[in-house]
Amino acid sequence: MIEKELLNPLYAELFDLIGEDAMKKIYENYQGLTITIPKKLYKGELVAERIRSLGVIDQKTKQTLARQYDYSQRQIERFLKKK
């Protein structure tokens, strides 16, 4: 049983966010490491491949894809131009 009040602040926050079991798994697997969390959930190169596979895309679809993948519409257009 974890004594939450004694946890380091990061582990206490993880405990609140994801629960005790998941927090313990993170601790067991990554303790002592410095972890950088990317700002983007989706990898740009893979998103670009997916978007290019769609073929010709209209402006509204570009807007939808930008929101879906959390990239700017300009970045979506760059993905389409880059081959």
PDB file of N, CA and C in Angstrom:
ATOM      1  N   MET A   1       0.842  -1.184   0.000  1.00  0.00           N
ATOM      2  CA  MET A   1       0.000   0.000   0.000  1.00  0.00           C
ATOM      3  C   MET A   1       0.882   1.240   0.000  1.00  0.00           C
ATOM      4  N   ILE A   2       0.664   2.114  -0.968  1.00  0.00           N
ATOM      5  CA  ILE A   2       1.434   3.346  -1.115  1.00  0.00           C
ATOM      6  C   ILE A   2       0.927   4.396  -0.124  1.00  0.00           C
ATOM      7  N   GLU A   3       1.869   5.064   0.550  1.00  0.00           N
ATOM      8  CA  GLU A   3       1.522   6.170   1.442  1.00  0.00           C
ATOM      9  C   GLU A   3       1.656   7.459   0.639  1.00  0.00           C
ATOM     10  N   LYS A   4       0.566   7.893   0.052  1.00  0.00           N
ATOM     11  CA  LYS A   4       0.561   9.014  -0.881  1.00  0.00           C
ATOM     12  C   LYS A   4       1.152  10.279  -0.277  1.00  0.00           C
ATOM     13  N   GLU A   5       0.880  10.545   0.961  1.00  0.00           N
ATOM     14  CA  GLU A   5       1.353  11.781   1.595  1.00  0.00           C
ATOM     15  C   GLU A   5       2.887  11.844   1.695  1.00  0.00           C
ATOM     16  N   LEU A   6       3.564  10.711   1.521  1.00  0.00           N
ATOM     17  CA  LEU A   6       5.021  10.675   1.595  1.00  0.00           C
ATOM     18  C   LEU A   6       5.694  10.678   0.226  1.00  0.00           C
ATOM     19  N   LEU A   7       4.916  10.624  -0.841  1.00  0.00           N
ATOM     20  CA  LEU A   7       5.469  10.536  -2.195  1.00  0.00           C
ATOM     21  C   LEU A   7       6.143  11.831  -2.621  1.00  0.00           C
ATOM     22  N   ASN A   8       7.150  11.678  -3.493  1.00  0.00           N
ATOM     23  CA  ASN A   8       7.719  12.842  -4.161  1.00  0.00           C
ATOM     24  C   ASN A   8       6.598  13.490  -4.964  1.00  0.00           C
ATOM     25  N   PRO A   9       6.658  14.812  -5.164  1.00  0.00           N
ATOM     26  CA  PRO A   9       5.556  15.512  -5.842  1.00  0.00           C
ATOM     27  C   PRO A   9       5.181  14.926  -7.208  1.00  0.00           C
ATOM     28  N   LEU A  10       6.148  14.552  -8.015  1.00  0.00           N
ATOM     29  CA  LEU A  10       5.826  13.994  -9.319  1.00  0.00           C
ATOM     30  C   LEU A  10       5.028  12.701  -9.178  1.00  0.00           C
ATOM     31  N   TYR A  11       5.460  11.831  -8.291  1.00  0.00           N
ATOM     32  CA  TYR A  11       4.750  10.568  -8.101  1.00  0.00           C
ATOM     33  C   TYR A  11       3.365  10.794  -7.492  1.00  0.00           C
ATOM     34  N   ALA A  12       3.238  11.788  -6.626  1.00  0.00           N
ATOM     35  CA  ALA A  12       1.918  12.104  -6.062  1.00  0.00           C
ATOM     36  C   ALA A  12       0.976  12.581  -7.163  1.00  0.00           C
ATOM     37  N   GLU A  13       1.508  13.391  -8.087  1.00  0.00           N
ATOM     38  CA  GLU A  13       0.671  13.872  -9.193  1.00  0.00           C
ATOM     39  C   GLU A  13       0.270  12.718 -10.112  1.00  0.00           C
ATOM     40  N   LEU A  14       1.230  11.843 -10.419  1.00  0.00           N
ATOM     41  CA  LEU A  14       0.905  10.669 -11.235  1.00  0.00           C
ATOM     42  C   LEU A  14      -0.121   9.786 -10.538  1.00  0.00           C
ATOM     43  N   PHE A  15       0.038   9.627  -9.251  1.00  0.00           N
ATOM     44  CA  PHE A  15      -0.918   8.846  -8.452  1.00  0.00           C
ATOM     45  C   PHE A  15      -2.330   9.392  -8.651  1.00  0.00           C
ATOM     46  N   ASP A  16      -2.471  10.722  -8.586  1.00  0.00           N
ATOM     47  CA  ASP A  16      -3.780  11.351  -8.756  1.00  0.00           C
ATOM     48  C   ASP A  16      -4.288  11.230 -10.192  1.00  0.00           C
ATOM     49  N   LEU A  17      -3.396  11.360 -11.161  1.00  0.00           N
ATOM     50  CA  LEU A  17      -3.798  11.357 -12.564  1.00  0.00           C
ATOM     51  C   LEU A  17      -4.151   9.973 -13.091  1.00  0.00           C
ATOM     52  N   ILE A  18      -3.337   8.978 -12.768  1.00  0.00           N
ATOM     53  CA  ILE A  18      -3.493   7.670 -13.412  1.00  0.00           C
ATOM     54  C   ILE A  18      -3.724   6.521 -12.442  1.00  0.00           C
ATOM     55  N   GLY A  19      -3.645   6.800 -11.157  1.00  0.00           N
ATOM     56  CA  GLY A  19      -3.904   5.761 -10.171  1.00  0.00           C
ATOM     57  C   GLY A  19      -2.633   5.090  -9.652  1.00  0.00           C
ATOM     58  N   GLU A  20      -2.792   4.385  -8.564  1.00  0.00           N
ATOM     59  CA  GLU A  20      -1.670   3.777  -7.864  1.00  0.00           C
ATOM     60  C   GLU A  20      -0.949   2.727  -8.710  1.00  0.00           C
ATOM     61  N   ASP A  21      -1.680   1.812  -9.320  1.00  0.00           N
ATOM     62  CA  ASP A  21      -1.034   0.726 -10.065  1.00  0.00           C
ATOM     63  C   ASP A  21      -0.215   1.248 -11.244  1.00  0.00           C
ATOM     64  N   ALA A  22      -0.786   2.168 -12.014  1.00  0.00           N
ATOM     65  CA  ALA A  22      -0.064   2.720 -13.168  1.00  0.00           C
ATOM     66  C   ALA A  22       1.147   3.533 -12.699  1.00  0.00           C
ATOM     67  N   MET A  23       0.994   4.290 -11.613  1.00  0.00           N
ATOM     68  CA  MET A  23       2.106   5.059 -11.066  1.00  0.00           C
ATOM     69  C   MET A  23       3.245   4.133 -10.648  1.00  0.00           C
ATOM     70  N   LYS A  24       2.913   3.024 -10.023  1.00  0.00           N
ATOM     71  CA  LYS A  24       3.941   2.064  -9.604  1.00  0.00           C
ATOM     72  C   LYS A  24       4.642   1.453 -10.814  1.00  0.00           C
ATOM     73  N   LYS A  25       3.910   1.188 -11.893  1.00  0.00           N
ATOM     74  CA  LYS A  25       4.530   0.652 -13.105  1.00  0.00           C
ATOM     75  C   LYS A  25       5.513   1.653 -13.703  1.00  0.00           C
ATOM     76  N   ILE A  26       5.120   2.915 -13.736  1.00  0.00           N
ATOM     77  CA  ILE A  26       6.028   3.944 -14.244  1.00  0.00           C
ATOM     78  C   ILE A  26       7.268   4.000 -13.360  1.00  0.00           C
ATOM     79  N   TYR A  27       7.087   3.979 -12.063  1.00  0.00           N
ATOM     80  CA  TYR A  27       8.218   4.008 -11.131  1.00  0.00           C
ATOM     81  C   TYR A  27       9.148   2.816 -11.364  1.00  0.00           C
ATOM     82  N   GLU A  28       8.574   1.632 -11.465  1.00  0.00           N
ATOM     83  CA  GLU A  28       9.382   0.422 -11.630  1.00  0.00           C
ATOM     84  C   GLU A  28      10.146   0.402 -12.957  1.00  0.00           C
ATOM     85  N   ASN A  29       9.540   0.936 -14.015  1.00  0.00           N
ATOM     86  CA  ASN A  29      10.156   0.876 -15.336  1.00  0.00           C
ATOM     87  C   ASN A  29      11.066   2.057 -15.653  1.00  0.00           C
ATOM     88  N   TYR A  30      10.812   3.216 -15.058  1.00  0.00           N
ATOM     89  CA  TYR A  30      11.530   4.421 -15.468  1.00  0.00           C
ATOM     90  C   TYR A  30      12.233   5.159 -14.332  1.00  0.00           C
ATOM     91  N   GLN A  31      12.270   4.605 -13.146  1.00  0.00           N
ATOM     92  CA  GLN A  31      12.888   5.311 -12.029  1.00  0.00           C
ATOM     93  C   GLN A  31      14.340   5.682 -12.348  1.00  0.00           C
ATOM     94  N   GLY A  32      14.695   6.908 -12.016  1.00  0.00           N
ATOM     95  CA  GLY A  32      16.058   7.389 -12.224  1.00  0.00           C
ATOM     96  C   GLY A  32      16.301   7.985 -13.597  1.00  0.00           C
ATOM     97  N   LEU A  33      15.375   7.835 -14.525  1.00  0.00           N
ATOM     98  CA  LEU A  33      15.543   8.381 -15.869  1.00  0.00           C
ATOM     99  C   LEU A  33      14.938   9.775 -15.965  1.00  0.00           C
ATOM    100  N   THR A  34      15.510  10.570 -16.838  1.00  0.00           N
ATOM    101  CA  THR A  34      14.897  11.844 -17.173  1.00  0.00           C
ATOM    102  C   THR A  34      14.072  11.618 -18.427  1.00  0.00           C
ATOM    103  N   ILE A  35      12.810  11.940 -18.361  1.00  0.00           N
ATOM    104  CA  ILE A  35      11.901  11.692 -19.472  1.00  0.00           C
ATOM    105  C   ILE A  35      11.406  13.028 -20.013  1.00  0.00           C
ATOM    106  N   THR A  36      11.510  13.181 -21.317  1.00  0.00           N
ATOM    107  CA  THR A  36      10.972  14.353 -21.983  1.00  0.00           C
ATOM    108  C   THR A  36       9.707  13.923 -22.709  1.00  0.00           C
ATOM    109  N   ILE A  37       8.625  14.604 -22.433  1.00  0.00           N
ATOM    110  CA  ILE A  37       7.351  14.271 -23.046  1.00  0.00           C
ATOM    111  C   ILE A  37       7.172  15.164 -24.269  1.00  0.00           C
ATOM    112  N   PRO A  38       7.057  14.575 -25.466  1.00  0.00           N
ATOM    113  CA  PRO A  38       6.881  15.397 -26.662  1.00  0.00           C
ATOM    114  C   PRO A  38       5.591  16.214 -26.603  1.00  0.00           C
ATOM    115  N   LYS A  39       5.643  17.402 -27.185  1.00  0.00           N
ATOM    116  CA  LYS A  39       4.459  18.261 -27.227  1.00  0.00           C
ATOM    117  C   LYS A  39       3.384  17.665 -28.119  1.00  0.00           C
ATOM    118  N   LYS A  40       3.788  17.014 -29.187  1.00  0.00           N
ATOM    119  CA  LYS A  40       2.845  16.426 -30.126  1.00  0.00           C
ATOM    120  C   LYS A  40       2.590  14.966 -29.765  1.00  0.00           C
ATOM    121  N   LEU A  41       1.333  14.577 -29.815  1.00  0.00           N
ATOM    122  CA  LEU A  41       0.959  13.184 -29.551  1.00  0.00           C
ATOM    123  C   LEU A  41       1.335  12.300 -30.733  1.00  0.00           C
ATOM    124  N   TYR A  42       1.170  12.830 -31.952  1.00  0.00           N
ATOM    125  CA  TYR A  42       1.421  12.060 -33.167  1.00  0.00           C
ATOM    126  C   TYR A  42       2.749  12.458 -33.797  1.00  0.00           C
ATOM    127  N   LYS A  43       3.495  11.481 -34.290  1.00  0.00           N
ATOM    128  CA  LYS A  43       4.776  11.704 -34.935  1.00  0.00           C
ATOM    129  C   LYS A  43       4.555  12.321 -36.316  1.00  0.00           C
ATOM    130  N   GLY A  44       5.194  13.451 -36.561  1.00  0.00           N
ATOM    131  CA  GLY A  44       4.994  14.222 -37.775  1.00  0.00           C
ATOM    132  C   GLY A  44       5.196  13.442 -39.053  1.00  0.00           C
ATOM    133  N   GLU A  45       6.257  12.645 -39.119  1.00  0.00           N
ATOM    134  CA  GLU A  45       6.549  11.892 -40.340  1.00  0.00           C
ATOM    135  C   GLU A  45       5.441  10.893 -40.660  1.00  0.00           C
ATOM    136  N   LEU A  46       4.910  10.274 -39.632  1.00  0.00           N
ATOM    137  CA  LEU A  46       3.838   9.290 -39.840  1.00  0.00           C
ATOM    138  C   LEU A  46       2.527   9.971 -40.208  1.00  0.00           C
ATOM    139  N   VAL A  47       2.272  11.124 -39.605  1.00  0.00           N
ATOM    140  CA  VAL A  47       1.081  11.892 -39.971  1.00  0.00           C
ATOM    141  C   VAL A  47       1.189  12.328 -41.430  1.00  0.00           C
ATOM    142  N   ALA A  48       2.385  12.777 -41.830  1.00  0.00           N
ATOM    143  CA  ALA A  48       2.596  13.214 -43.210  1.00  0.00           C
ATOM    144  C   ALA A  48       2.318  12.073 -44.185  1.00  0.00           C
ATOM    145  N   GLU A  49       2.816  10.891 -43.882  1.00  0.00           N
ATOM    146  CA  GLU A  49       2.564   9.731 -44.747  1.00  0.00           C
ATOM    147  C   GLU A  49       1.072   9.446 -44.857  1.00  0.00           C
ATOM    148  N   ARG A  50       0.379   9.476 -43.729  1.00  0.00           N
ATOM    149  CA  ARG A  50      -1.059   9.208 -43.707  1.00  0.00           C
ATOM    150  C   ARG A  50      -1.804  10.230 -44.550  1.00  0.00           C
ATOM    151  N   ILE A  51      -1.457  11.494 -44.380  1.00  0.00           N
ATOM    152  CA  ILE A  51      -2.146  12.561 -45.112  1.00  0.00           C
ATOM    153  C   ILE A  51      -1.868  12.468 -46.609  1.00  0.00           C
ATOM    154  N   ARG A  52      -0.625  12.202 -46.971  1.00  0.00           N
ATOM    155  CA  ARG A  52      -0.284  12.075 -48.390  1.00  0.00           C
ATOM    156  C   ARG A  52      -1.001  10.890 -49.025  1.00  0.00           C
ATOM    157  N   SER A  53      -1.270   9.862 -48.261  1.00  0.00           N
ATOM    158  CA  SER A  53      -1.946   8.687 -48.801  1.00  0.00           C
ATOM    159  C   SER A  53      -3.419   8.967 -49.127  1.00  0.00           C
ATOM    160  N   LEU A  54      -3.944  10.069 -48.609  1.00  0.00           N
ATOM    161  CA  LEU A  54      -5.340  10.422 -48.855  1.00  0.00           C
ATOM    162  C   LEU A  54      -5.554  11.017 -50.234  1.00  0.00           C
ATOM    163  N   GLY A  55      -4.472  11.445 -50.874  1.00  0.00           N
ATOM    164  CA  GLY A  55      -4.595  12.037 -52.210  1.00  0.00           C
ATOM    165  C   GLY A  55      -4.899  13.519 -52.140  1.00  0.00           C
ATOM    166  N   VAL A  56      -5.703  14.006 -53.064  1.00  0.00           N
ATOM    167  CA  VAL A  56      -6.057  15.424 -53.136  1.00  0.00           C
ATOM    168  C   VAL A  56      -7.014  15.752 -51.991  1.00  0.00           C
ATOM    169  N   ILE A  57      -6.705  16.828 -51.283  1.00  0.00           N
ATOM    170  CA  ILE A  57      -7.489  17.186 -50.101  1.00  0.00           C
ATOM    171  C   ILE A  57      -7.967  18.628 -50.239  1.00  0.00           C
ATOM    172  N   ASP A  58      -9.251  18.861 -49.942  1.00  0.00           N
ATOM    173  CA  ASP A  58      -9.769  20.231 -50.006  1.00  0.00           C
ATOM    174  C   ASP A  58      -9.451  20.985 -48.710  1.00  0.00           C
ATOM    175  N   GLN A  59      -9.736  22.266 -48.707  1.00  0.00           N
ATOM    176  CA  GLN A  59      -9.389  23.146 -47.579  1.00  0.00           C
ATOM    177  C   GLN A  59     -10.072  22.713 -46.288  1.00  0.00           C
ATOM    178  N   LYS A  60     -11.323  22.335 -46.365  1.00  0.00           N
ATOM    179  CA  LYS A  60     -12.068  21.920 -45.160  1.00  0.00           C
ATOM    180  C   LYS A  60     -11.452  20.654 -44.552  1.00  0.00           C
ATOM    181  N   THR A  61     -11.042  19.730 -45.397  1.00  0.00           N
ATOM    182  CA  THR A  61     -10.409  18.505 -44.909  1.00  0.00           C
ATOM    183  C   THR A  61      -9.064  18.825 -44.252  1.00  0.00           C
ATOM    184  N   LYS A  62      -8.330  19.770 -44.817  1.00  0.00           N
ATOM    185  CA  LYS A  62      -7.062  20.197 -44.201  1.00  0.00           C
ATOM    186  C   LYS A  62      -7.302  20.733 -42.800  1.00  0.00           C
ATOM    187  N   GLN A  63      -8.349  21.527 -42.656  1.00  0.00           N
ATOM    188  CA  GLN A  63      -8.685  22.069 -41.336  1.00  0.00           C
ATOM    189  C   GLN A  63      -9.036  20.954 -40.361  1.00  0.00           C
ATOM    190  N   THR A  64      -9.810  20.005 -40.840  1.00  0.00           N
ATOM    191  CA  THR A  64     -10.210  18.869 -39.997  1.00  0.00           C
ATOM    192  C   THR A  64      -8.991  18.055 -39.572  1.00  0.00           C
ATOM    193  N   LEU A  65      -8.094  17.783 -40.518  1.00  0.00           N
ATOM    194  CA  LEU A  65      -6.877  17.016 -40.215  1.00  0.00           C
ATOM    195  C   LEU A  65      -5.984  17.774 -39.243  1.00  0.00           C
ATOM    196  N   ALA A  66      -5.898  19.083 -39.415  1.00  0.00           N
ATOM    197  CA  ALA A  66      -5.090  19.898 -38.507  1.00  0.00           C
ATOM    198  C   ALA A  66      -5.597  19.766 -37.079  1.00  0.00           C
ATOM    199  N   ARG A  67      -6.891  19.839 -36.897  1.00  0.00           N
ATOM    200  CA  ARG A  67      -7.469  19.679 -35.556  1.00  0.00           C
ATOM    201  C   ARG A  67      -7.288  18.254 -35.038  1.00  0.00           C
ATOM    202  N   GLN A  68      -7.504  17.282 -35.903  1.00  0.00           N
ATOM    203  CA  GLN A  68      -7.428  15.879 -35.500  1.00  0.00           C
ATOM    204  C   GLN A  68      -6.034  15.502 -35.000  1.00  0.00           C
ATOM    205  N   TYR A  69      -4.999  15.977 -35.702  1.00  0.00           N
ATOM    206  CA  TYR A  69      -3.626  15.591 -35.359  1.00  0.00           C
ATOM    207  C   TYR A  69      -2.869  16.655 -34.580  1.00  0.00           C
ATOM    208  N   ASP A  70      -3.537  17.744 -34.227  1.00  0.00           N
ATOM    209  CA  ASP A  70      -2.944  18.829 -33.439  1.00  0.00           C
ATOM    210  C   ASP A  70      -1.726  19.450 -34.136  1.00  0.00           C
ATOM    211  N   TYR A  71      -1.854  19.654 -35.438  1.00  0.00           N
ATOM    212  CA  TYR A  71      -0.864  20.374 -36.220  1.00  0.00           C
ATOM    213  C   TYR A  71      -1.564  21.574 -36.843  1.00  0.00           C
ATOM    214  N   SER A  72      -0.794  22.596 -37.223  1.00  0.00           N
ATOM    215  CA  SER A  72      -1.397  23.751 -37.869  1.00  0.00           C
ATOM    216  C   SER A  72      -1.807  23.382 -39.297  1.00  0.00           C
ATOM    217  N   GLN A  73      -2.709  24.162 -39.837  1.00  0.00           N
ATOM    218  CA  GLN A  73      -3.125  23.926 -41.216  1.00  0.00           C
ATOM    219  C   GLN A  73      -1.936  24.130 -42.160  1.00  0.00           C
ATOM    220  N   ARG A  74      -1.084  25.088 -41.834  1.00  0.00           N
ATOM    221  CA  ARG A  74       0.122  25.325 -42.627  1.00  0.00           C
ATOM    222  C   ARG A  74       1.027  24.084 -42.623  1.00  0.00           C
ATOM    223  N   GLN A  75       1.158  23.448 -41.460  1.00  0.00           N
ATOM    224  CA  GLN A  75       1.980  22.232 -41.387  1.00  0.00           C
ATOM    225  C   GLN A  75       1.358  21.095 -42.201  1.00  0.00           C
ATOM    226  N   ILE A  76       0.059  20.987 -42.183  1.00  0.00           N
ATOM    227  CA  ILE A  76      -0.628  19.976 -42.998  1.00  0.00           C
ATOM    228  C   ILE A  76      -0.314  20.220 -44.473  1.00  0.00           C
ATOM    229  N   GLU A  77      -0.356  21.478 -44.889  1.00  0.00           N
ATOM    230  CA  GLU A  77      -0.033  21.811 -46.279  1.00  0.00           C
ATOM    231  C   GLU A  77       1.419  21.469 -46.605  1.00  0.00           C
ATOM    232  N   ARG A  78       2.318  21.686 -45.655  1.00  0.00           N
ATOM    233  CA  ARG A  78       3.731  21.297 -45.858  1.00  0.00           C
ATOM    234  C   ARG A  78       3.858  19.783 -46.001  1.00  0.00           C
ATOM    235  N   PHE A  79       3.120  19.063 -45.188  1.00  0.00           N
ATOM    236  CA  PHE A  79       3.143  17.592 -45.307  1.00  0.00           C
ATOM    237  C   PHE A  79       2.714  17.157 -46.702  1.00  0.00           C
ATOM    238  N   LEU A  80       1.710  17.827 -47.246  1.00  0.00           N
ATOM    239  CA  LEU A  80       1.198  17.460 -48.560  1.00  0.00           C
ATOM    240  C   LEU A  80       2.199  17.790 -49.674  1.00  0.00           C
ATOM    241  N   LYS A  81       2.939  18.868 -49.526  1.00  0.00           N
ATOM    242  CA  LYS A  81       3.899  19.268 -50.551  1.00  0.00           C
ATOM    243  C   LYS A  81       5.151  18.414 -50.540  1.00  0.00           C
ATOM    244  N   LYS A  82       5.524  17.951 -49.359  1.00  0.00           N
ATOM    245  CA  LYS A  82       6.765  17.184 -49.207  1.00  0.00           C
ATOM    246  C   LYS A  82       6.554  15.758 -49.681  1.00  0.00           C
ATOM    247  N   LYS A  83       7.378  15.301 -50.593  1.00  0.00           N
ATOM    248  CA  LYS A  83       7.245  13.930 -51.112  1.00  0.00           C
ATOM    249  C   LYS A  83       8.477  13.129 -50.767  1.00  0.00           C
TER     250      LYS A  83
END
